[in-house]
């Protein structure tokens, strides 16, 4: 009896048991729109020759169809990120893979009496072949290169003006490359103040920030070690015969910079962590081993491919909460 009554009501009102119109003229409701996944904001860290791994990271993200909404870069992270947004990643990868120790030496113009060992003009000429006349604001997505001002210690965010100048300032390693003079400021490598620029992406109110940290596996946790400076006669004899690899002046400078960069990165990332941190294993690649680009690119690619499920889950999470 109840069923008959419901059927009669449906026929009189034109509403089916499921609550949808039963009239043939009524169209079904469209499906709900697909969730809009947030674009990634990439914080590409410094690391000299290890920075070629950024190329592999970007390749893997592009292959997976994951969109990038912004890039902030420090040092070589700025170089790779700027070339990527300028559409010159292929050219940069070709250049990186072509490097040999002899070719690297030919690109370094030694200076005497300057503020760095190398002037950097030969490298600048190579960049001018592809980036001449291009400004940061001409790029199709936001880009910030991080540098440090020598005279004040300020952290400098370069988001306007010459792209080449921005990249040169961000990778001007103190003592190695000449500082860059720009608008009355003397700029050097941004890794001195912000080695992995997550804070830049946060300041631009990016919802999903992914950091690429190239140095996390170099020193481990950098433990504090108690040391006795006095040696017994037998220990002195052992030390005299122990093998000791001298680093040389440049090696000591680079290694010291490595330590500073690692400590600053750990402190800043602890205070302002990214949503996801990609950490390619690059500890065996030296800061000056630019000729090992193929290895670094592959490791960056492999790390990103392995973390793709995590990246996509994070995108789904942010899409659902927006």
C-alpha atoms as a PDB file:
ATOM      1  CA  UNK A   1       0.000   0.000   0.000  1.00  0.00           C
ATOM      2  CA  UNK A   2       2.835   2.375   0.901  1.00  0.00           C
ATOM      3  CA  UNK A   3       4.665   1.619  -2.370  1.00  0.00           C
ATOM      4  CA  UNK A   4       1.528   2.286  -4.405  1.00  0.00           C
ATOM      5  CA  UNK A   5       1.048   5.594  -2.630  1.00  0.00           C
ATOM      6  CA  UNK A   6       4.643   6.689  -3.328  1.00  0.00           C
ATOM      7  CA  UNK A   7       4.353   5.740  -7.003  1.00  0.00           C
ATOM      8  CA  UNK A   8       1.133   7.695  -7.308  1.00  0.00           C
ATOM      9  CA  UNK A   9       2.757  10.726  -5.676  1.00  0.00           C
ATOM     10  CA  UNK A  10       5.709  10.506  -8.073  1.00  0.00           C
ATOM     11  CA  UNK A  11       3.480  10.396 -11.129  1.00  0.00           C
ATOM     12  CA  UNK A  12       1.504  13.411  -9.946  1.00  0.00           C
ATOM     13  CA  UNK A  13       4.502  15.563  -8.970  1.00  0.00           C
ATOM     14  CA  UNK A  14       6.958  14.461 -11.657  1.00  0.00           C
ATOM     15  CA  UNK A  15       9.555  13.554  -9.029  1.00  0.00           C
ATOM     16  CA  UNK A  16      11.031  10.060  -8.952  1.00  0.00           C
ATOM     17  CA  UNK A  17      11.771   8.038  -5.841  1.00  0.00           C
ATOM     18  CA  UNK A  18      15.411   9.174  -5.981  1.00  0.00           C
ATOM     19  CA  UNK A  19      14.362  12.830  -5.762  1.00  0.00           C
ATOM     20  CA  UNK A  20      15.309  13.778  -9.366  1.00  0.00           C
ATOM     21  CA  UNK A  21      12.835  15.128 -11.942  1.00  0.00           C
ATOM     22  CA  UNK A  22      11.235  12.338 -13.967  1.00  0.00           C
ATOM     23  CA  UNK A  23      10.225  14.548 -16.868  1.00  0.00           C
ATOM     24  CA  UNK A  24      12.005  13.597 -20.111  1.00  0.00           C
ATOM     25  CA  UNK A  25      12.638  17.310 -20.754  1.00  0.00           C
ATOM     26  CA  UNK A  26      14.862  17.669 -17.685  1.00  0.00           C
ATOM     27  CA  UNK A  27      18.633  17.217 -18.246  1.00  0.00           C
ATOM     28  CA  UNK A  28      20.770  15.392 -15.654  1.00  0.00           C
ATOM     29  CA  UNK A  29      22.871  17.543 -13.361  1.00  0.00           C
ATOM     30  CA  UNK A  30      26.482  18.078 -14.539  1.00  0.00           C
ATOM     31  CA  UNK A  31      29.228  16.297 -12.589  1.00  0.00           C
ATOM     32  CA  UNK A  32      31.030  18.350  -9.945  1.00  0.00           C
ATOM     33  CA  UNK A  33      34.133  20.170 -11.213  1.00  0.00           C
ATOM     34  CA  UNK A  34      37.454  18.402 -10.762  1.00  0.00           C
ATOM     35  CA  UNK A  35      39.535  19.735  -7.878  1.00  0.00           C
ATOM     36  CA  UNK A  36      42.079  22.388  -8.877  1.00  0.00           C
ATOM     37  CA  UNK A  37      45.506  21.282  -7.714  1.00  0.00           C
ATOM     38  CA  UNK A  38      47.771  24.057  -6.436  1.00  0.00           C
ATOM     39  CA  UNK A  39      50.926  24.808  -8.360  1.00  0.00           C
ATOM     40  CA  UNK A  40      54.263  24.198  -6.671  1.00  0.00           C
ATOM     41  CA  UNK A  41      56.511  26.988  -5.463  1.00  0.00           C
ATOM     42  CA  UNK A  42      60.083  25.753  -5.758  1.00  0.00           C
ATOM     43  CA  UNK A  43      62.871  26.890  -3.439  1.00  0.00           C
ATOM     44  CA  UNK A  44      66.034  25.826  -5.247  1.00  0.00           C
ATOM     45  CA  UNK A  45      69.021  25.803  -2.905  1.00  0.00           C
ATOM     46  CA  UNK A  46      72.675  26.574  -3.487  1.00  0.00           C
ATOM     47  CA  UNK A  47      75.377  23.978  -3.804  1.00  0.00           C
ATOM     48  CA  UNK A  48      77.716  24.903  -6.673  1.00  0.00           C
ATOM     49  CA  UNK A  49      78.340  21.832  -8.897  1.00  0.00           C
ATOM     50  CA  UNK A  50      75.689  19.846  -7.045  1.00  0.00           C
ATOM     51  CA  UNK A  51      73.176  22.350  -8.384  1.00  0.00           C
ATOM     52  CA  UNK A  52      72.992  20.569 -11.716  1.00  0.00           C
ATOM     53  CA  UNK A  53      70.643  18.207  -9.824  1.00  0.00           C
ATOM     54  CA  UNK A  54      67.998  20.945 -10.093  1.00  0.00           C
ATOM     55  CA  UNK A  55      67.805  20.201 -13.819  1.00  0.00           C
ATOM     56  CA  UNK A  56      66.802  16.607 -13.057  1.00  0.00           C
ATOM     57  CA  UNK A  57      64.219  17.793 -10.522  1.00  0.00           C
ATOM     58  CA  UNK A  58      62.583  20.082 -13.076  1.00  0.00           C
ATOM     59  CA  UNK A  59      62.620  17.379 -15.754  1.00  0.00           C
ATOM     60  CA  UNK A  60      60.829  14.921 -13.470  1.00  0.00           C
ATOM     61  CA  UNK A  61      58.175  17.466 -12.457  1.00  0.00           C
ATOM     62  CA  UNK A  62      57.497  18.396 -16.084  1.00  0.00           C
ATOM     63  CA  UNK A  63      57.194  14.744 -17.084  1.00  0.00           C
ATOM     64  CA  UNK A  64      54.664  14.177 -14.293  1.00  0.00           C
ATOM     65  CA  UNK A  65      52.591  17.152 -15.413  1.00  0.00           C
ATOM     66  CA  UNK A  66      53.038  18.954 -12.092  1.00  0.00           C
ATOM     67  CA  UNK A  67      52.773  22.692 -12.652  1.00  0.00           C
ATOM     68  CA  UNK A  68      55.226  25.140 -11.140  1.00  0.00           C
ATOM     69  CA  UNK A  69      53.824  28.499 -10.129  1.00  0.00           C
ATOM     70  CA  UNK A  70      56.952  30.208  -8.818  1.00  0.00           C
ATOM     71  CA  UNK A  71      60.696  29.719  -8.432  1.00  0.00           C
ATOM     72  CA  UNK A  72      62.962  31.233  -5.806  1.00  0.00           C
ATOM     73  CA  UNK A  73      66.628  30.374  -6.217  1.00  0.00           C
ATOM     74  CA  UNK A  74      69.898  30.846  -4.404  1.00  0.00           C
ATOM     75  CA  UNK A  75      73.275  30.631  -6.149  1.00  0.00           C
ATOM     76  CA  UNK A  76      73.168  27.865  -8.780  1.00  0.00           C
ATOM     77  CA  UNK A  77      69.531  27.323  -7.834  1.00  0.00           C
ATOM     78  CA  UNK A  78      68.864  30.802  -9.203  1.00  0.00           C
ATOM     79  CA  UNK A  79      70.825  30.001 -12.372  1.00  0.00           C
ATOM     80  CA  UNK A  80      68.885  26.811 -13.102  1.00  0.00           C
ATOM     81  CA  UNK A  81      65.521  28.272 -12.051  1.00  0.00           C
ATOM     82  CA  UNK A  82      65.993  31.427 -14.094  1.00  0.00           C
ATOM     83  CA  UNK A  83      66.985  29.488 -17.213  1.00  0.00           C
ATOM     84  CA  UNK A  84      64.003  27.167 -16.720  1.00  0.00           C
ATOM     85  CA  UNK A  85      61.468  30.017 -16.566  1.00  0.00           C
ATOM     86  CA  UNK A  86      63.187  31.685 -19.528  1.00  0.00           C
ATOM     87  CA  UNK A  87      62.656  28.519 -21.588  1.00  0.00           C
ATOM     88  CA  UNK A  88      66.389  27.802 -21.789  1.00  0.00           C
ATOM     89  CA  UNK A  89      66.666  24.628 -19.702  1.00  0.00           C
ATOM     90  CA  UNK A  90      67.603  22.509 -22.737  1.00  0.00           C
ATOM     91  CA  UNK A  91      70.476  24.833 -23.580  1.00  0.00           C
ATOM     92  CA  UNK A  92      71.666  24.862 -19.976  1.00  0.00           C
ATOM     93  CA  UNK A  93      71.589  21.072 -19.735  1.00  0.00           C
ATOM     94  CA  UNK A  94      73.520  20.729 -22.996  1.00  0.00           C
ATOM     95  CA  UNK A  95      76.131  23.162 -21.669  1.00  0.00           C
ATOM     96  CA  UNK A  96      76.369  21.372 -18.295  1.00  0.00           C
ATOM     97  CA  UNK A  97      76.788  17.924 -19.835  1.00  0.00           C
ATOM     98  CA  UNK A  98      79.485  19.215 -22.191  1.00  0.00           C
ATOM     99  CA  UNK A  99      81.734  20.422 -19.371  1.00  0.00           C
ATOM    100  CA  UNK A 100      85.110  18.798 -18.861  1.00  0.00           C
ATOM    101  CA  UNK A 101      87.844  19.858 -16.469  1.00  0.00           C
ATOM    102  CA  UNK A 102      89.740  21.450 -19.335  1.00  0.00           C
ATOM    103  CA  UNK A 103      86.696  23.328 -20.595  1.00  0.00           C
ATOM    104  CA  UNK A 104      85.876  24.553 -17.096  1.00  0.00           C
ATOM    105  CA  UNK A 105      89.380  25.980 -16.833  1.00  0.00           C
ATOM    106  CA  UNK A 106      88.935  27.778 -20.160  1.00  0.00           C
ATOM    107  CA  UNK A 107      85.785  29.495 -18.866  1.00  0.00           C
ATOM    108  CA  UNK A 108      87.484  30.945 -15.779  1.00  0.00           C
ATOM    109  CA  UNK A 109      89.184  34.306 -16.322  1.00  0.00           C
ATOM    110  CA  UNK A 110      91.789  34.729 -13.592  1.00  0.00           C
ATOM    111  CA  UNK A 111      92.009  38.239 -12.153  1.00  0.00           C
ATOM    112  CA  UNK A 112      94.969  39.848 -10.353  1.00  0.00           C
ATOM    113  CA  UNK A 113      94.345  42.366  -7.600  1.00  0.00           C
ATOM    114  CA  UNK A 114      90.569  42.008  -7.798  1.00  0.00           C
ATOM    115  CA  UNK A 115      87.960  41.023  -5.207  1.00  0.00           C
ATOM    116  CA  UNK A 116      87.842  37.424  -6.418  1.00  0.00           C
ATOM    117  CA  UNK A 117      89.989  34.846  -8.148  1.00  0.00           C
ATOM    118  CA  UNK A 118      87.857  34.962 -11.297  1.00  0.00           C
ATOM    119  CA  UNK A 119      86.105  37.812 -13.034  1.00  0.00           C
ATOM    120  CA  UNK A 120      83.295  35.697 -14.439  1.00  0.00           C
ATOM    121  CA  UNK A 121      83.032  37.590 -17.724  1.00  0.00           C
ATOM    122  CA  UNK A 122      83.548  34.506 -19.891  1.00  0.00           C
ATOM    123  CA  UNK A 123      80.603  32.813 -18.183  1.00  0.00           C
ATOM    124  CA  UNK A 124      78.608  36.014 -18.583  1.00  0.00           C
ATOM    125  CA  UNK A 125      79.234  36.005 -22.331  1.00  0.00           C
ATOM    126  CA  UNK A 126      77.834  32.479 -22.513  1.00  0.00           C
ATOM    127  CA  UNK A 127      74.693  33.602 -20.703  1.00  0.00           C
ATOM    128  CA  UNK A 128      74.360  36.622 -22.965  1.00  0.00           C
ATOM    129  CA  UNK A 129      74.057  34.303 -25.954  1.00  0.00           C
ATOM    130  CA  UNK A 130      70.700  33.108 -24.621  1.00  0.00           C
ATOM    131  CA  UNK A 131      69.468  35.620 -22.025  1.00  0.00           C
ATOM    132  CA  UNK A 132      70.633  38.999 -23.339  1.00  0.00           C
ATOM    133  CA  UNK A 133      67.994  41.734 -22.893  1.00  0.00           C
ATOM    134  CA  UNK A 134      65.709  39.568 -20.774  1.00  0.00           C
ATOM    135  CA  UNK A 135      64.413  41.011 -17.504  1.00  0.00           C
ATOM    136  CA  UNK A 136      63.153  39.088 -14.485  1.00  0.00           C
ATOM    137  CA  UNK A 137      59.689  40.627 -14.862  1.00  0.00           C
ATOM    138  CA  UNK A 138      59.526  39.337 -18.464  1.00  0.00           C
ATOM    139  CA  UNK A 139      59.307  35.732 -17.230  1.00  0.00           C
ATOM    140  CA  UNK A 140      55.872  34.119 -17.322  1.00  0.00           C
ATOM    141  CA  UNK A 141      55.938  33.229 -13.612  1.00  0.00           C
ATOM    142  CA  UNK A 142      57.320  34.921 -10.503  1.00  0.00           C
ATOM    143  CA  UNK A 143      61.050  34.476 -10.027  1.00  0.00           C
ATOM    144  CA  UNK A 144      63.313  35.715  -7.234  1.00  0.00           C
ATOM    145  CA  UNK A 145      67.100  35.400  -7.076  1.00  0.00           C
ATOM    146  CA  UNK A 146      68.570  35.676  -3.590  1.00  0.00           C
ATOM    147  CA  UNK A 147      71.860  37.525  -3.019  1.00  0.00           C
ATOM    148  CA  UNK A 148      73.676  39.051  -0.052  1.00  0.00           C
ATOM    149  CA  UNK A 149      74.944  42.616   0.262  1.00  0.00           C
ATOM    150  CA  UNK A 150      78.558  42.696   1.422  1.00  0.00           C
ATOM    151  CA  UNK A 151      78.552  46.100   3.101  1.00  0.00           C
ATOM    152  CA  UNK A 152      75.452  45.598   5.248  1.00  0.00           C
ATOM    153  CA  UNK A 153      74.876  41.838   5.403  1.00  0.00           C
ATOM    154  CA  UNK A 154      71.350  42.334   4.099  1.00  0.00           C
ATOM    155  CA  UNK A 155      69.504  39.580   2.307  1.00  0.00           C
ATOM    156  CA  UNK A 156      68.614  40.904  -1.153  1.00  0.00           C
ATOM    157  CA  UNK A 157      65.687  39.597  -3.201  1.00  0.00           C
ATOM    158  CA  UNK A 158      66.070  40.406  -6.891  1.00  0.00           C
ATOM    159  CA  UNK A 159      62.662  40.270  -8.579  1.00  0.00           C
ATOM    160  CA  UNK A 160      63.124  42.991 -11.206  1.00  0.00           C
ATOM    161  CA  UNK A 161      65.716  44.102 -13.691  1.00  0.00           C
ATOM    162  CA  UNK A 162      68.318  42.269 -15.735  1.00  0.00           C
ATOM    163  CA  UNK A 163      68.029  38.502 -15.426  1.00  0.00           C
ATOM    164  CA  UNK A 164      71.741  38.026 -16.141  1.00  0.00           C
ATOM    165  CA  UNK A 165      72.731  40.459 -13.389  1.00  0.00           C
ATOM    166  CA  UNK A 166      70.363  38.735 -10.961  1.00  0.00           C
ATOM    167  CA  UNK A 167      71.874  35.317 -11.697  1.00  0.00           C
ATOM    168  CA  UNK A 168      75.476  36.561 -11.523  1.00  0.00           C
ATOM    169  CA  UNK A 169      74.861  38.246  -8.170  1.00  0.00           C
ATOM    170  CA  UNK A 170      73.229  35.170  -6.702  1.00  0.00           C
ATOM    171  CA  UNK A 171      76.145  32.830  -7.552  1.00  0.00           C
ATOM    172  CA  UNK A 172      79.047  35.245  -6.885  1.00  0.00           C
ATOM    173  CA  UNK A 173      80.837  33.018  -4.367  1.00  0.00           C
ATOM    174  CA  UNK A 174      82.993  35.283  -2.149  1.00  0.00           C
ATOM    175  CA  UNK A 175      86.701  34.958  -2.867  1.00  0.00           C
ATOM    176  CA  UNK A 176      86.030  32.928  -6.018  1.00  0.00           C
ATOM    177  CA  UNK A 177      84.019  35.310  -8.220  1.00  0.00           C
ATOM    178  CA  UNK A 178      84.117  39.089  -8.241  1.00  0.00           C
ATOM    179  CA  UNK A 179      81.168  40.681  -6.392  1.00  0.00           C
ATOM    180  CA  UNK A 180      78.515  42.270  -8.597  1.00  0.00           C
ATOM    181  CA  UNK A 181      77.881  45.993  -8.394  1.00  0.00           C
ATOM    182  CA  UNK A 182      74.212  46.798  -9.005  1.00  0.00           C
ATOM    183  CA  UNK A 183      72.386  50.038  -8.154  1.00  0.00           C
ATOM    184  CA  UNK A 184      74.923  51.089  -5.506  1.00  0.00           C
ATOM    185  CA  UNK A 185      74.956  47.666  -3.853  1.00  0.00           C
ATOM    186  CA  UNK A 186      77.807  45.147  -3.798  1.00  0.00           C
ATOM    187  CA  UNK A 187      76.223  41.711  -4.086  1.00  0.00           C
ATOM    188  CA  UNK A 188      77.596  38.212  -3.493  1.00  0.00           C
ATOM    189  CA  UNK A 189      76.303  34.649  -3.239  1.00  0.00           C
ATOM    190  CA  UNK A 190      72.900  34.443  -1.547  1.00  0.00           C
ATOM    191  CA  UNK A 191      73.848  31.206   0.226  1.00  0.00           C
ATOM    192  CA  UNK A 192      75.548  33.377   2.857  1.00  0.00           C
ATOM    193  CA  UNK A 193      72.128  34.470   4.123  1.00  0.00           C
ATOM    194  CA  UNK A 194      69.457  32.105   2.749  1.00  0.00           C
ATOM    195  CA  UNK A 195      70.828  28.864   1.247  1.00  0.00           C
ATOM    196  CA  UNK A 196      67.381  27.308   0.578  1.00  0.00           C
ATOM    197  CA  UNK A 197      64.945  30.222   0.053  1.00  0.00           C
ATOM    198  CA  UNK A 198      61.716  28.773   1.435  1.00  0.00           C
ATOM    199  CA  UNK A 199      60.989  32.076   3.185  1.00  0.00           C
ATOM    200  CA  UNK A 200      60.824  33.850  -0.184  1.00  0.00           C
ATOM    201  CA  UNK A 201      58.058  31.537  -1.396  1.00  0.00           C
ATOM    202  CA  UNK A 202      56.177  32.017   1.885  1.00  0.00           C
ATOM    203  CA  UNK A 203      56.416  35.796   1.510  1.00  0.00           C
ATOM    204  CA  UNK A 204      54.781  35.453  -1.912  1.00  0.00           C
ATOM    205  CA  UNK A 205      51.899  33.578  -0.197  1.00  0.00           C
ATOM    206  CA  UNK A 206      52.434  30.368  -2.115  1.00  0.00           C
ATOM    207  CA  UNK A 207      50.270  27.536  -0.718  1.00  0.00           C
ATOM    208  CA  UNK A 208      52.558  24.582  -1.473  1.00  0.00           C
ATOM    209  CA  UNK A 209      56.309  25.077  -1.093  1.00  0.00           C
ATOM    210  CA  UNK A 210      58.808  22.422  -2.154  1.00  0.00           C
ATOM    211  CA  UNK A 211      62.463  22.878  -1.224  1.00  0.00           C
ATOM    212  CA  UNK A 212      65.410  21.263  -2.982  1.00  0.00           C
ATOM    213  CA  UNK A 213      68.250  20.972  -0.465  1.00  0.00           C
ATOM    214  CA  UNK A 214      71.528  19.892  -2.047  1.00  0.00           C
ATOM    215  CA  UNK A 215      73.691  19.751   1.076  1.00  0.00           C
ATOM    216  CA  UNK A 216      71.775  17.842   3.722  1.00  0.00           C
ATOM    217  CA  UNK A 217      73.947  14.690   3.543  1.00  0.00           C
ATOM    218  CA  UNK A 218      77.385  16.348   3.599  1.00  0.00           C
ATOM    219  CA  UNK A 219      77.962  16.751   7.318  1.00  0.00           C
ATOM    220  CA  UNK A 220      75.150  14.738   8.875  1.00  0.00           C
ATOM    221  CA  UNK A 221      74.162  16.375  12.148  1.00  0.00           C
ATOM    222  CA  UNK A 222      77.539  18.149  12.557  1.00  0.00           C
ATOM    223  CA  UNK A 223      78.087  16.926  16.094  1.00  0.00           C
ATOM    224  CA  UNK A 224      80.010  18.810  18.772  1.00  0.00           C
ATOM    225  CA  UNK A 225      83.274  16.958  19.495  1.00  0.00           C
ATOM    226  CA  UNK A 226      85.413  17.250  22.616  1.00  0.00           C
ATOM    227  CA  UNK A 227      89.073  17.493  21.638  1.00  0.00           C
ATOM    228  CA  UNK A 228      92.378  17.315  23.503  1.00  0.00           C
ATOM    229  CA  UNK A 229      94.980  19.586  21.941  1.00  0.00           C
ATOM    230  CA  UNK A 230      97.904  18.015  23.850  1.00  0.00           C
ATOM    231  CA  UNK A 231      99.587  14.936  22.393  1.00  0.00           C
ATOM    232  CA  UNK A 232     101.840  12.323  23.993  1.00  0.00           C
ATOM    233  CA  UNK A 233     105.212  11.686  22.292  1.00  0.00           C
ATOM    234  CA  UNK A 234     103.904   8.469  20.732  1.00  0.00           C
ATOM    235  CA  UNK A 235     100.843  10.251  19.360  1.00  0.00           C
ATOM    236  CA  UNK A 236     103.038  12.981  17.881  1.00  0.00           C
ATOM    237  CA  UNK A 237     105.037  10.313  16.031  1.00  0.00           C
ATOM    238  CA  UNK A 238     101.859   8.686  14.736  1.00  0.00           C
ATOM    239  CA  UNK A 239     100.512  12.039  13.535  1.00  0.00           C
ATOM    240  CA  UNK A 240     103.724  12.800  11.638  1.00  0.00           C
ATOM    241  CA  UNK A 241     103.381   9.592   9.629  1.00  0.00           C
ATOM    242  CA  UNK A 242      99.609   9.743   9.171  1.00  0.00           C
ATOM    243  CA  UNK A 243      98.396  10.596   5.653  1.00  0.00           C
ATOM    244  CA  UNK A 244      97.081  14.141   5.391  1.00  0.00           C
ATOM    245  CA  UNK A 245      95.453  15.636   2.328  1.00  0.00           C
ATOM    246  CA  UNK A 246      96.149  19.350   2.083  1.00  0.00           C
ATOM    247  CA  UNK A 247      93.201  21.310   0.763  1.00  0.00           C
ATOM    248  CA  UNK A 248      95.052  24.369  -0.454  1.00  0.00           C
ATOM    249  CA  UNK A 249      93.812  27.948  -0.098  1.00  0.00           C
ATOM    250  CA  UNK A 250      90.851  27.609  -2.464  1.00  0.00           C
ATOM    251  CA  UNK A 251      89.879  24.246  -0.985  1.00  0.00           C
ATOM    252  CA  UNK A 252      89.841  25.654   2.538  1.00  0.00           C
ATOM    253  CA  UNK A 253      87.728  28.631   1.414  1.00  0.00           C
ATOM    254  CA  UNK A 254      85.201  26.417  -0.348  1.00  0.00           C
ATOM    255  CA  UNK A 255      85.005  23.950   2.525  1.00  0.00           C
ATOM    256  CA  UNK A 256      84.511  26.777   5.022  1.00  0.00           C
ATOM    257  CA  UNK A 257      81.718  28.166   2.850  1.00  0.00           C
ATOM    258  CA  UNK A 258      80.216  24.673   2.758  1.00  0.00           C
ATOM    259  CA  UNK A 259      80.059  24.551   6.550  1.00  0.00           C
ATOM    260  CA  UNK A 260      78.541  28.031   6.817  1.00  0.00           C
ATOM    261  CA  UNK A 261      75.923  27.207   4.197  1.00  0.00           C
ATOM    262  CA  UNK A 262      74.996  23.935   5.878  1.00  0.00           C
ATOM    263  CA  UNK A 263      74.592  25.483   9.340  1.00  0.00           C
ATOM    264  CA  UNK A 264      72.549  28.444   8.076  1.00  0.00           C
ATOM    265  CA  UNK A 265      70.306  26.173   5.996  1.00  0.00           C
ATOM    266  CA  UNK A 266      69.565  23.928   8.967  1.00  0.00           C
ATOM    267  CA  UNK A 267      68.705  26.878  11.187  1.00  0.00           C
ATOM    268  CA  UNK A 268      66.462  28.603   8.648  1.00  0.00           C
ATOM    269  CA  UNK A 269      64.644  25.464   7.529  1.00  0.00           C
ATOM    270  CA  UNK A 270      63.945  24.553  11.156  1.00  0.00           C
ATOM    271  CA  UNK A 271      62.281  27.934  11.661  1.00  0.00           C
ATOM    272  CA  UNK A 272      60.435  27.991   8.331  1.00  0.00           C
ATOM    273  CA  UNK A 273      60.151  24.436   6.982  1.00  0.00           C
ATOM    274  CA  UNK A 274      58.841  23.644   3.496  1.00  0.00           C
ATOM    275  CA  UNK A 275      55.823  21.429   2.911  1.00  0.00           C
ATOM    276  CA  UNK A 276      58.098  18.901   1.198  1.00  0.00           C
ATOM    277  CA  UNK A 277      61.878  18.785   1.003  1.00  0.00           C
ATOM    278  CA  UNK A 278      63.628  16.986  -1.859  1.00  0.00           C
ATOM    279  CA  UNK A 279      67.119  15.862  -0.886  1.00  0.00           C
ATOM    280  CA  UNK A 280      69.136  14.238  -3.675  1.00  0.00           C
ATOM    281  CA  UNK A 281      72.140  12.265  -2.441  1.00  0.00           C
ATOM    282  CA  UNK A 282      75.030  14.364  -3.667  1.00  0.00           C
ATOM    283  CA  UNK A 283      77.549  14.212  -0.822  1.00  0.00           C
ATOM    284  CA  UNK A 284      80.254  12.613  -2.956  1.00  0.00           C
ATOM    285  CA  UNK A 285      80.110  15.368  -5.600  1.00  0.00           C
ATOM    286  CA  UNK A 286      82.479  18.214  -4.749  1.00  0.00           C
ATOM    287  CA  UNK A 287      81.471  21.848  -5.016  1.00  0.00           C
ATOM    288  CA  UNK A 288      83.879  22.378  -7.929  1.00  0.00           C
ATOM    289  CA  UNK A 289      83.150  19.142  -9.823  1.00  0.00           C
ATOM    290  CA  UNK A 290      80.998  20.759 -12.485  1.00  0.00           C
ATOM    291  CA  UNK A 291      82.131  18.102 -14.969  1.00  0.00           C
ATOM    292  CA  UNK A 292      79.948  15.547 -13.121  1.00  0.00           C
ATOM    293  CA  UNK A 293      76.740  17.171 -14.350  1.00  0.00           C
ATOM    294  CA  UNK A 294      75.319  13.924 -15.747  1.00  0.00           C
ATOM    295  CA  UNK A 295      75.482  12.237 -12.340  1.00  0.00           C
ATOM    296  CA  UNK A 296      73.969  15.183 -10.505  1.00  0.00           C
ATOM    297  CA  UNK A 297      71.111  15.556 -13.005  1.00  0.00           C
ATOM    298  CA  UNK A 298      70.282  11.850 -12.768  1.00  0.00           C
ATOM    299  CA  UNK A 299      70.227  11.907  -8.967  1.00  0.00           C
ATOM    300  CA  UNK A 300      67.933  14.922  -8.906  1.00  0.00           C
ATOM    301  CA  UNK A 301      65.640  13.164 -11.371  1.00  0.00           C
ATOM    302  CA  UNK A 302      65.585   9.918  -9.387  1.00  0.00           C
ATOM    303  CA  UNK A 303      64.880  11.671  -6.070  1.00  0.00           C
ATOM    304  CA  UNK A 304      61.950  13.571  -7.564  1.00  0.00           C
ATOM    305  CA  UNK A 305      60.492  10.504  -9.293  1.00  0.00           C
ATOM    306  CA  UNK A 306      60.615   8.598  -6.004  1.00  0.00           C
ATOM    307  CA  UNK A 307      58.775  11.402  -4.212  1.00  0.00           C
ATOM    308  CA  UNK A 308      56.081  11.988  -6.859  1.00  0.00           C
ATOM    309  CA  UNK A 309      53.355  10.066  -4.946  1.00  0.00           C
ATOM    310  CA  UNK A 310      54.020  12.248  -1.905  1.00  0.00           C
ATOM    311  CA  UNK A 311      53.928  15.415  -3.996  1.00  0.00           C
ATOM    312  CA  UNK A 312      50.618  14.429  -5.601  1.00  0.00           C
ATOM    313  CA  UNK A 313      49.071  13.518  -2.228  1.00  0.00           C
ATOM    314  CA  UNK A 314      50.086  16.908  -0.892  1.00  0.00           C
ATOM    315  CA  UNK A 315      48.504  18.595  -3.903  1.00  0.00           C
ATOM    316  CA  UNK A 316      45.263  16.676  -3.312  1.00  0.00           C
ATOM    317  CA  UNK A 317      45.312  17.663   0.349  1.00  0.00           C
ATOM    318  CA  UNK A 318      45.729  21.352  -0.461  1.00  0.00           C
ATOM    319  CA  UNK A 319      43.084  21.168  -3.198  1.00  0.00           C
ATOM    320  CA  UNK A 320      40.595  19.669  -0.754  1.00  0.00           C
ATOM    321  CA  UNK A 321      41.244  22.324   1.875  1.00  0.00           C
ATOM    322  CA  UNK A 322      41.033  25.305  -0.469  1.00  0.00           C
END
